Each structure stands twice: as structure tokens, then as C-alpha cells.
């Protein structure tokens, strides 16, 4: 029984990590961060990375813990969130598959002077690190967590992904130099494919019960 539970937890942790890591996409954020902090010293850039990562972490934890209550308050079902989340994930995955940074991110970078007072909060933490896809992700996984251990695993995965992202931002220049343009595009395409597969799973896992309720089909 214990071995089965551990296997289930590891499987859940791997799914959470893969999905959230691909959604936050440190490899895609690195060139954006690098372009936004080129005029800063290494110490200033590190402070921006820390503040952005902590802000994203706090937002994801809040939505993971309170997201279900928010949706209950507005009478929105988790299945609806799965359908919408699946569409969002698919679109993001397609952009990653094309090795592109989303239009929202590009617009924010082009308009960097507007956010010069606090780029760590906007646009880095919101919406680049903590966008609608990542938020929907943690809400769905928190709902799918069957036990307290599953929910604790999700919170741990969020922490690990944010720490990895912070390390990636701090070492953005070295990371980009190591991967090169071709390597960065390859990694983005791989993550894009993973996100699109997860998107299909989310979409149909949300759509199936909705259609079943509409057709009054009972599951024995």
C-alpha cells in the first residue's frame, strides 16, 4: 500500500513539475530578462530576479490555496477551468513549438520604459512568470490532489520550479551562451510539445463531464 502511494505521489509530482516548468518556461524567460536588465549591474539584475521570483511564488501559492474558493464564489466549475486552461495551454504550446515568445511578452519588452520603475513586478512576475496558464495549472492540480500529501507535493513543486527559474534568471547570460540560439529553440520546441499534450488531456478531461451532464449520461 505504501509503495503504491509513493508511486502515485511521484507520478503526480512529475506531472505537476513538467506542466508548471513548461508553463513558466525559464528558457523562454531568460532572453527576455537578459534584454530587460542589460543596463543593470549583476547585483541589480539579481535583485530583480529575486523579487520577480518571490512575487510569482506568492501569487501561485495564493491561487493554489484559494483558487477553488474564488471559483466557487463566482460559481465557476473546475471542469470549465480545465477546458479554458486546455485552450490556453495549447496556444502557449503552439507558440513554444514555433520557438517564439508570446505576443504579450514581446509587447511588454518593447514597452520596457513604461515599467522601468518596477520591472520585477510587471512585466516579469506578472504576466511573464505567472500568467493565466500557470495560475490555471496550480488551481487544477490542487483540485486534483486527492490527499493532503498530494497538495503538499504541489506546493513543493511550485517552490522547486521557482527556485530553478530564479537560478535561470541569475545565470541568464551564461545559460543563453551555453545553449546558443539553436539549443534554446530546441528546448522551447520540446516544452511546447509537452504543453500541447497536457493541453489536450486537460481539455477533454474537462469537456467529457460537461457533455455527460448535458446529455444526462450517468457513469456506473
Protein backbone atom coordinates (compact mmCIF):
# COMPACT_ATOMS: atom_id res chain seq x y z
CA UNK A 1 0.00 0.00 0.00
CA UNK A 2 2.85 2.38 0.94
CA UNK A 3 4.76 1.61 -2.26
CA UNK A 4 1.62 2.25 -4.30
CA UNK A 5 1.09 5.61 -2.57
CA UNK A 6 4.70 6.62 -3.16
CA UNK A 7 4.43 5.70 -6.83
CA UNK A 8 1.23 7.74 -7.12
CA UNK A 9 2.88 10.74 -5.41
CA UNK A 10 5.93 10.57 -7.67
CA UNK A 11 3.69 10.34 -10.73
CA UNK A 12 1.66 13.33 -9.55
CA UNK A 13 4.83 15.30 -8.72
CA UNK A 14 6.32 14.58 -12.16
CA UNK A 15 3.13 15.70 -13.91
CA UNK A 16 2.95 18.90 -11.82
CA UNK A 17 6.64 19.67 -12.34
CA UNK A 18 6.63 19.02 -16.10
CA UNK A 19 3.48 21.05 -16.65
CA UNK A 20 4.43 24.01 -14.43
CA UNK A 21 8.05 24.09 -15.62
CA UNK A 22 6.92 24.15 -19.25
CA UNK A 23 4.31 26.81 -18.48
CA UNK A 24 6.72 29.18 -16.68
CA UNK A 25 9.41 28.27 -19.24
CA UNK A 26 12.72 29.54 -17.78
CA UNK A 27 14.39 29.05 -21.16
CA UNK A 28 11.91 31.42 -22.79
CA UNK A 29 12.09 33.94 -19.95
CA UNK A 30 15.90 34.09 -19.92
CA UNK A 31 16.34 36.12 -23.14
CA UNK A 32 13.51 38.46 -22.08
CA UNK A 33 15.12 39.00 -18.67
CA UNK A 34 18.52 39.48 -20.25
CA UNK A 35 17.24 42.15 -22.65
CA UNK A 36 15.47 43.99 -19.79
CA UNK A 37 18.49 44.08 -17.47
CA UNK A 38 21.37 44.72 -19.87
CA UNK A 39 21.95 48.20 -18.43
CA UNK A 40 21.97 46.93 -14.82
CA UNK A 41 24.85 45.62 -12.74
CA UNK A 42 24.94 41.92 -11.83
CA UNK A 43 23.80 42.77 -8.30
CA UNK A 44 20.83 44.83 -9.51
CA UNK A 45 19.81 42.13 -12.01
CA UNK A 46 19.98 39.51 -9.25
CA UNK A 47 17.71 41.64 -7.03
CA UNK A 48 15.20 41.98 -9.87
CA UNK A 49 15.30 38.20 -10.43
CA UNK A 50 14.75 37.53 -6.71
CA UNK A 51 11.85 39.96 -6.41
CA UNK A 52 10.19 38.65 -9.57
CA UNK A 53 10.56 35.03 -8.46
CA UNK A 54 9.24 35.70 -4.93
CA UNK A 55 6.26 37.63 -6.33
CA UNK A 56 5.42 34.82 -8.76
CA UNK A 57 5.80 32.27 -5.94
CA UNK A 58 3.42 34.15 -3.63
CA UNK A 59 0.81 34.58 -6.38
CA UNK A 60 0.92 30.89 -7.35
CA UNK A 61 0.65 29.78 -3.71
CA UNK A 62 -2.32 32.11 -3.13
CA UNK A 63 -4.17 30.79 -6.18
CA UNK A 64 -3.29 27.20 -5.28
CA UNK A 65 -4.75 27.62 -1.78
CA UNK A 66 -7.64 30.00 -2.53
CA UNK A 67 -8.34 29.42 -6.22
CA UNK A 68 -11.13 26.91 -5.60
CA UNK A 69 -12.89 29.28 -3.17
CA UNK A 70 -12.65 32.09 -5.73
CA UNK A 71 -14.20 29.90 -8.42
CA UNK A 72 -16.87 28.65 -6.03
CA UNK A 73 -17.72 32.25 -5.20
CA UNK A 74 -18.25 33.03 -8.89
CA UNK A 75 -19.96 29.64 -9.47
CA UNK A 76 -17.34 28.52 -11.97
CA UNK A 77 -16.70 24.78 -12.19
CA UNK A 78 -13.26 23.23 -12.27
CA UNK A 79 -14.26 21.38 -15.45
CA UNK A 80 -14.85 24.73 -17.16
CA UNK A 81 -11.41 25.83 -15.97
CA UNK A 82 -9.93 22.65 -17.44
CA UNK A 83 -11.48 23.39 -20.83
CA UNK A 84 -10.32 27.03 -20.84
CA UNK A 85 -6.95 26.05 -19.40
CA UNK A 86 -6.56 23.42 -22.10
CA UNK A 87 -7.17 26.05 -24.80
CA UNK A 88 -4.69 28.47 -23.17
CA UNK A 89 -2.07 25.73 -22.76
CA UNK A 90 -2.49 24.65 -26.38
CA UNK A 91 -1.99 28.20 -27.66
CA UNK A 92 1.10 28.69 -25.47
CA UNK A 93 2.41 25.28 -26.50
CA UNK A 94 1.95 26.13 -30.18
CA UNK A 95 3.94 29.36 -29.75
CA UNK A 96 6.70 27.45 -27.96
CA UNK A 97 6.65 24.82 -30.71
CA UNK A 98 7.35 27.64 -33.16
CA UNK A 99 10.20 28.75 -30.84
CA UNK A 100 8.55 32.13 -30.29
CA UNK A 101 7.98 34.24 -27.19
CA UNK A 102 4.31 35.09 -26.74
CA UNK A 103 2.97 38.34 -28.10
CA UNK A 104 2.19 39.57 -24.60
CA UNK A 105 5.81 39.16 -23.57
CA UNK A 106 7.15 40.85 -26.68
CA UNK A 107 4.81 43.81 -26.23
CA UNK A 108 5.91 44.21 -22.62
CA UNK A 109 9.58 44.14 -23.59
CA UNK A 110 9.11 46.65 -26.38
CA UNK A 111 7.41 48.96 -23.89
CA UNK A 112 10.06 48.43 -21.20
CA UNK A 113 10.38 52.13 -20.23
CA UNK A 114 6.77 52.15 -19.06
CA UNK A 115 7.71 49.54 -16.47
CA UNK A 116 11.17 50.90 -15.58
CA UNK A 117 10.09 51.78 -12.02
CA UNK A 118 9.44 48.16 -11.09
CA UNK A 119 10.02 45.63 -13.86
CA UNK A 120 10.34 42.86 -11.29
CA UNK A 121 6.60 43.00 -10.60
CA UNK A 122 5.39 43.92 -14.08
CA UNK A 123 6.04 42.51 -16.59
CA UNK A 124 8.43 39.90 -15.16
CA UNK A 125 6.38 38.39 -12.31
CA UNK A 126 3.06 39.22 -13.98
CA UNK A 127 2.37 38.11 -16.67
CA UNK A 128 5.65 36.58 -17.88
CA UNK A 129 6.34 34.19 -14.99
CA UNK A 130 2.88 33.99 -13.50
CA UNK A 131 0.48 34.13 -16.43
CA UNK A 132 -3.03 32.69 -16.82
CA UNK A 133 -1.64 29.31 -17.84
CA UNK A 134 0.46 28.88 -14.69
CA UNK A 135 -2.40 30.10 -12.46
CA UNK A 136 -4.91 27.72 -14.06
CA UNK A 137 -2.34 24.96 -13.72
CA UNK A 138 -1.93 25.23 -9.96
CA UNK A 139 -5.69 25.57 -9.36
CA UNK A 140 -6.44 22.42 -11.37
CA UNK A 141 -3.66 20.37 -9.78
CA UNK A 142 -4.66 21.50 -6.28
CA UNK A 143 -8.21 20.35 -7.02
CA UNK A 144 -6.98 17.04 -8.46
CA UNK A 145 -4.80 16.34 -5.42
CA UNK A 146 -6.71 13.58 -3.65
CA UNK A 147 -4.91 13.74 -0.32
CA UNK A 148 -3.08 16.28 1.82
CA UNK A 149 0.20 14.72 0.65
CA UNK A 150 -0.73 15.42 -2.99
CA UNK A 151 -1.42 19.07 -2.13
CA UNK A 152 1.86 19.35 -0.22
CA UNK A 153 3.66 17.82 -3.20
CA UNK A 154 2.16 20.50 -5.45
CA UNK A 155 3.32 23.29 -3.09
CA UNK A 156 6.78 21.70 -3.04
CA UNK A 157 6.85 21.50 -6.85
CA UNK A 158 5.91 25.20 -7.10
CA UNK A 159 8.83 26.03 -4.78
CA UNK A 160 11.28 23.89 -6.78
CA UNK A 161 10.21 25.36 -10.14
CA UNK A 162 10.51 28.93 -8.83
CA UNK A 163 13.99 28.22 -7.40
CA UNK A 164 15.09 26.74 -10.75
CA UNK A 165 13.61 29.76 -12.52
CA UNK A 166 15.48 32.15 -10.19
CA UNK A 167 18.74 30.31 -10.87
CA UNK A 168 17.99 30.50 -14.59
CA UNK A 169 17.38 34.26 -14.42
CA UNK A 170 20.55 34.91 -12.40
CA UNK A 171 22.57 32.87 -14.86
CA UNK A 172 20.60 34.05 -17.91
CA UNK A 173 23.63 35.26 -19.86
CA UNK A 174 25.60 32.05 -19.18
CA UNK A 175 22.56 29.90 -19.95
CA UNK A 176 21.94 31.60 -23.29
CA UNK A 177 25.63 31.37 -24.17
CA UNK A 178 25.70 27.67 -23.23
CA UNK A 179 22.53 26.73 -25.14
CA UNK A 180 23.11 29.02 -28.09
CA UNK A 181 20.30 30.16 -30.33
CA UNK A 182 19.71 26.68 -31.76
CA UNK A 183 19.77 24.98 -28.35
CA UNK A 184 17.31 27.49 -26.91
CA UNK A 185 14.90 26.92 -29.81
CA UNK A 186 15.17 23.14 -29.45
CA UNK A 187 14.33 23.31 -25.72
CA UNK A 188 11.40 25.65 -26.40
CA UNK A 189 10.02 23.28 -29.05
CA UNK A 190 10.31 20.27 -26.74
CA UNK A 191 8.46 22.12 -23.97
CA UNK A 192 5.91 23.32 -26.49
CA UNK A 193 5.14 19.74 -27.48
CA UNK A 194 4.79 18.72 -23.81
CA UNK A 195 2.45 21.65 -23.11
CA UNK A 196 0.25 20.79 -26.11
CA UNK A 197 -0.08 17.16 -24.98
CA UNK A 198 -1.04 18.30 -21.46
CA UNK A 199 -3.48 20.80 -23.02
CA UNK A 200 -5.34 18.03 -24.87
CA UNK A 201 -5.58 15.97 -21.66
CA UNK A 202 -6.91 18.96 -19.71
CA UNK A 203 -9.38 19.93 -22.42
CA UNK A 204 -11.02 16.52 -22.76
CA UNK A 205 -10.93 15.76 -19.02
CA UNK A 206 -12.98 18.95 -18.55
CA UNK A 207 -15.19 18.58 -21.63
CA UNK A 208 -16.19 14.95 -21.02
CA UNK A 209 -18.11 15.50 -17.74
CA UNK A 210 -19.72 18.69 -19.13
CA UNK A 211 -21.03 16.83 -22.20
CA UNK A 212 -22.07 13.90 -19.99
CA UNK A 213 -24.12 16.25 -17.79
CA UNK A 214 -25.70 17.90 -20.84
CA UNK A 215 -26.75 14.51 -22.24
CA UNK A 216 -27.70 13.20 -18.78
CA UNK A 217 -25.37 10.25 -19.11
CA UNK A 218 -24.65 8.54 -15.80
CA UNK A 219 -21.40 6.73 -15.04
CA UNK A 220 -21.95 3.38 -13.39
